[in-house]
């Protein structure tokens, strides 16, 4: 192979490598844009510390270690004594069972720790 031919072959190899690099960069950029980190699903008994009925937020603390979570409860499913309940009825209870998705986000300028999926409470007087 002559020197000129070797230069053409090397140039084609460089072009192929460059095109492959561009494709890889585009795929990585797309993955970064569309990637959404998985949220942690957590469930357990929590002490109900505060309720904001107007903003539909609740502040709960995990019973064993008292770690606090501010949760968005705008579309939470509420069950009281195995019957559907309303958000305002939660004021009557101090201990609730909460199933939540943990993940930091902001809502109306407030840092929220997660989203409450389901809140279950049992009134001992009705058991």
C-alpha atoms as a PDB file:
ATOM      1  CA  UNK A   1       0.000   0.000   0.000  1.00  0.00           C
ATOM      2  CA  UNK A   2       1.385   3.382  -0.950  1.00  0.00           C
ATOM      3  CA  UNK A   3       1.712   6.254   1.475  1.00  0.00           C
ATOM      4  CA  UNK A   4      -1.164   8.141  -0.159  1.00  0.00           C
ATOM      5  CA  UNK A   5      -3.467   5.118   0.105  1.00  0.00           C
ATOM      6  CA  UNK A   6      -2.544   4.614   3.754  1.00  0.00           C
ATOM      7  CA  UNK A   7      -3.483   8.228   4.452  1.00  0.00           C
ATOM      8  CA  UNK A   8      -6.927   7.757   2.847  1.00  0.00           C
ATOM      9  CA  UNK A   9      -7.568   4.568   4.838  1.00  0.00           C
ATOM     10  CA  UNK A  10      -6.509   6.295   8.069  1.00  0.00           C
ATOM     11  CA  UNK A  11      -8.748   9.276   7.245  1.00  0.00           C
ATOM     12  CA  UNK A  12     -11.749   6.981   6.739  1.00  0.00           C
ATOM     13  CA  UNK A  13     -11.009   5.246  10.022  1.00  0.00           C
ATOM     14  CA  UNK A  14     -10.871   8.602  11.794  1.00  0.00           C
ATOM     15  CA  UNK A  15     -14.177   9.651  10.193  1.00  0.00           C
ATOM     16  CA  UNK A  16     -15.868   6.407  11.314  1.00  0.00           C
ATOM     17  CA  UNK A  17     -14.529   6.858  14.840  1.00  0.00           C
ATOM     18  CA  UNK A  18     -15.736  10.473  14.856  1.00  0.00           C
ATOM     19  CA  UNK A  19     -19.240   9.486  13.695  1.00  0.00           C
ATOM     20  CA  UNK A  20     -19.477   6.740  16.283  1.00  0.00           C
ATOM     21  CA  UNK A  21     -18.347   9.199  18.980  1.00  0.00           C
ATOM     22  CA  UNK A  22     -21.041  11.670  17.922  1.00  0.00           C
ATOM     23  CA  UNK A  23     -23.720   8.947  18.056  1.00  0.00           C
ATOM     24  CA  UNK A  24     -22.580   7.856  21.513  1.00  0.00           C
ATOM     25  CA  UNK A  25     -22.612  11.481  22.725  1.00  0.00           C
ATOM     26  CA  UNK A  26     -26.163  12.021  21.409  1.00  0.00           C
ATOM     27  CA  UNK A  27     -27.411   8.808  23.056  1.00  0.00           C
ATOM     28  CA  UNK A  28     -25.804   9.788  26.370  1.00  0.00           C
ATOM     29  CA  UNK A  29     -27.318  13.272  26.169  1.00  0.00           C
ATOM     30  CA  UNK A  30     -30.775  11.802  25.528  1.00  0.00           C
ATOM     31  CA  UNK A  31     -30.399   9.406  28.434  1.00  0.00           C
ATOM     32  CA  UNK A  32     -29.434  12.298  30.701  1.00  0.00           C
ATOM     33  CA  UNK A  33     -32.403  14.423  29.602  1.00  0.00           C
ATOM     34  CA  UNK A  34     -35.017  11.667  29.916  1.00  0.00           C
ATOM     35  CA  UNK A  35     -33.570   9.948  32.973  1.00  0.00           C
ATOM     36  CA  UNK A  36     -35.702  10.287  36.064  1.00  0.00           C
ATOM     37  CA  UNK A  37     -34.253   8.830  39.239  1.00  0.00           C
ATOM     38  CA  UNK A  38     -36.347   6.141  40.865  1.00  0.00           C
ATOM     39  CA  UNK A  39     -38.151   7.281  43.954  1.00  0.00           C
ATOM     40  CA  UNK A  40     -37.973   5.254  47.106  1.00  0.00           C
ATOM     41  CA  UNK A  41     -41.249   3.724  48.224  1.00  0.00           C
ATOM     42  CA  UNK A  42     -41.617   3.676  51.981  1.00  0.00           C
ATOM     43  CA  UNK A  43     -44.394   2.537  54.255  1.00  0.00           C
ATOM     44  CA  UNK A  44     -44.838   2.458  57.998  1.00  0.00           C
ATOM     45  CA  UNK A  45     -46.365   4.018  61.097  1.00  0.00           C
ATOM     46  CA  UNK A  46     -45.788   7.718  61.575  1.00  0.00           C
ATOM     47  CA  UNK A  47     -46.732  10.347  64.109  1.00  0.00           C
ATOM     48  CA  UNK A  48     -48.857  13.047  62.462  1.00  0.00           C
ATOM     49  CA  UNK A  49     -47.277  16.331  63.555  1.00  0.00           C
ATOM     50  CA  UNK A  50     -49.014  18.924  61.389  1.00  0.00           C
ATOM     51  CA  UNK A  51     -51.596  19.237  58.626  1.00  0.00           C
ATOM     52  CA  UNK A  52     -52.052  22.090  56.161  1.00  0.00           C
ATOM     53  CA  UNK A  53     -55.565  21.658  54.813  1.00  0.00           C
ATOM     54  CA  UNK A  54     -55.281  24.611  52.414  1.00  0.00           C
ATOM     55  CA  UNK A  55     -52.005  23.424  50.799  1.00  0.00           C
ATOM     56  CA  UNK A  56     -52.733  19.719  51.398  1.00  0.00           C
ATOM     57  CA  UNK A  57     -49.360  19.049  53.027  1.00  0.00           C
ATOM     58  CA  UNK A  58     -48.651  16.866  56.037  1.00  0.00           C
ATOM     59  CA  UNK A  59     -45.671  16.735  58.369  1.00  0.00           C
ATOM     60  CA  UNK A  60     -45.020  13.292  59.822  1.00  0.00           C
ATOM     61  CA  UNK A  61     -42.224  11.748  61.849  1.00  0.00           C
ATOM     62  CA  UNK A  62     -41.130   8.134  61.762  1.00  0.00           C
ATOM     63  CA  UNK A  63     -41.928   6.648  65.154  1.00  0.00           C
ATOM     64  CA  UNK A  64     -38.691   4.775  65.964  1.00  0.00           C
ATOM     65  CA  UNK A  65     -36.145   7.472  65.026  1.00  0.00           C
ATOM     66  CA  UNK A  66     -38.315  10.637  64.789  1.00  0.00           C
ATOM     67  CA  UNK A  67     -37.050  11.519  61.300  1.00  0.00           C
ATOM     68  CA  UNK A  68     -39.434  14.109  59.835  1.00  0.00           C
ATOM     69  CA  UNK A  69     -40.953  14.179  56.342  1.00  0.00           C
ATOM     70  CA  UNK A  70     -42.977  16.948  54.706  1.00  0.00           C
ATOM     71  CA  UNK A  71     -45.275  15.230  52.226  1.00  0.00           C
ATOM     72  CA  UNK A  72     -47.499  16.374  49.401  1.00  0.00           C
ATOM     73  CA  UNK A  73     -50.923  14.897  50.123  1.00  0.00           C
ATOM     74  CA  UNK A  74     -52.929  16.559  47.341  1.00  0.00           C
ATOM     75  CA  UNK A  75     -54.219  13.308  45.827  1.00  0.00           C
ATOM     76  CA  UNK A  76     -53.686  10.853  48.658  1.00  0.00           C
ATOM     77  CA  UNK A  77     -56.068   7.934  49.220  1.00  0.00           C
ATOM     78  CA  UNK A  78     -57.317   8.151  52.807  1.00  0.00           C
ATOM     79  CA  UNK A  79     -58.862   5.188  54.608  1.00  0.00           C
ATOM     80  CA  UNK A  80     -60.334   5.491  58.100  1.00  0.00           C
ATOM     81  CA  UNK A  81     -61.481   2.223  59.686  1.00  0.00           C
ATOM     82  CA  UNK A  82     -61.484   0.548  56.249  1.00  0.00           C
ATOM     83  CA  UNK A  83     -63.808   3.252  54.833  1.00  0.00           C
ATOM     84  CA  UNK A  84     -62.921   6.172  52.565  1.00  0.00           C
ATOM     85  CA  UNK A  85     -62.042   9.305  54.534  1.00  0.00           C
ATOM     86  CA  UNK A  86     -61.406  12.970  53.882  1.00  0.00           C
ATOM     87  CA  UNK A  87     -58.223  14.966  54.322  1.00  0.00           C
ATOM     88  CA  UNK A  88     -59.723  17.235  57.010  1.00  0.00           C
ATOM     89  CA  UNK A  89     -60.620  14.140  59.119  1.00  0.00           C
ATOM     90  CA  UNK A  90     -56.918  13.433  59.698  1.00  0.00           C
ATOM     91  CA  UNK A  91     -56.832  16.203  62.304  1.00  0.00           C
ATOM     92  CA  UNK A  92     -58.463  13.765  64.759  1.00  0.00           C
ATOM     93  CA  UNK A  93     -55.551  11.296  64.687  1.00  0.00           C
ATOM     94  CA  UNK A  94     -51.989  11.326  66.001  1.00  0.00           C
ATOM     95  CA  UNK A  95     -50.638   8.044  64.588  1.00  0.00           C
ATOM     96  CA  UNK A  96     -51.181   7.110  60.952  1.00  0.00           C
ATOM     97  CA  UNK A  97     -49.921   4.481  58.570  1.00  0.00           C
ATOM     98  CA  UNK A  98     -48.454   6.164  55.479  1.00  0.00           C
ATOM     99  CA  UNK A  99     -47.322   4.760  52.154  1.00  0.00           C
ATOM    100  CA  UNK A 100     -45.161   7.349  50.386  1.00  0.00           C
ATOM    101  CA  UNK A 101     -42.780   7.965  47.512  1.00  0.00           C
ATOM    102  CA  UNK A 102     -39.684   9.734  48.764  1.00  0.00           C
ATOM    103  CA  UNK A 103     -38.031  12.200  46.427  1.00  0.00           C
ATOM    104  CA  UNK A 104     -37.074  15.841  46.911  1.00  0.00           C
ATOM    105  CA  UNK A 105     -39.100  18.391  44.967  1.00  0.00           C
ATOM    106  CA  UNK A 106     -40.387  21.940  45.263  1.00  0.00           C
ATOM    107  CA  UNK A 107     -44.017  23.024  45.297  1.00  0.00           C
ATOM    108  CA  UNK A 108     -44.876  26.716  45.528  1.00  0.00           C
ATOM    109  CA  UNK A 109     -41.384  27.439  46.846  1.00  0.00           C
ATOM    110  CA  UNK A 110     -41.569  24.805  49.594  1.00  0.00           C
ATOM    111  CA  UNK A 111     -39.081  21.922  49.702  1.00  0.00           C
ATOM    112  CA  UNK A 112     -41.061  18.695  49.963  1.00  0.00           C
ATOM    113  CA  UNK A 113     -39.585  15.319  50.924  1.00  0.00           C
ATOM    114  CA  UNK A 114     -42.041  13.179  49.005  1.00  0.00           C
ATOM    115  CA  UNK A 115     -45.565  12.331  47.979  1.00  0.00           C
ATOM    116  CA  UNK A 116     -48.063  10.485  50.189  1.00  0.00           C
ATOM    117  CA  UNK A 117     -49.838   7.743  48.232  1.00  0.00           C
ATOM    118  CA  UNK A 118     -52.056   6.278  50.911  1.00  0.00           C
ATOM    119  CA  UNK A 119     -52.890   7.099  54.526  1.00  0.00           C
ATOM    120  CA  UNK A 120     -54.622   4.523  56.702  1.00  0.00           C
ATOM    121  CA  UNK A 121     -55.871   5.119  60.232  1.00  0.00           C
ATOM    122  CA  UNK A 122     -57.880   3.071  62.688  1.00  0.00           C
ATOM    123  CA  UNK A 123     -59.928   4.632  65.450  1.00  0.00           C
ATOM    124  CA  UNK A 124     -59.500   2.393  68.521  1.00  0.00           C
ATOM    125  CA  UNK A 125     -62.936   3.483  69.823  1.00  0.00           C
ATOM    126  CA  UNK A 126     -64.655   1.902  66.814  1.00  0.00           C
ATOM    127  CA  UNK A 127     -62.852  -1.432  66.955  1.00  0.00           C
END
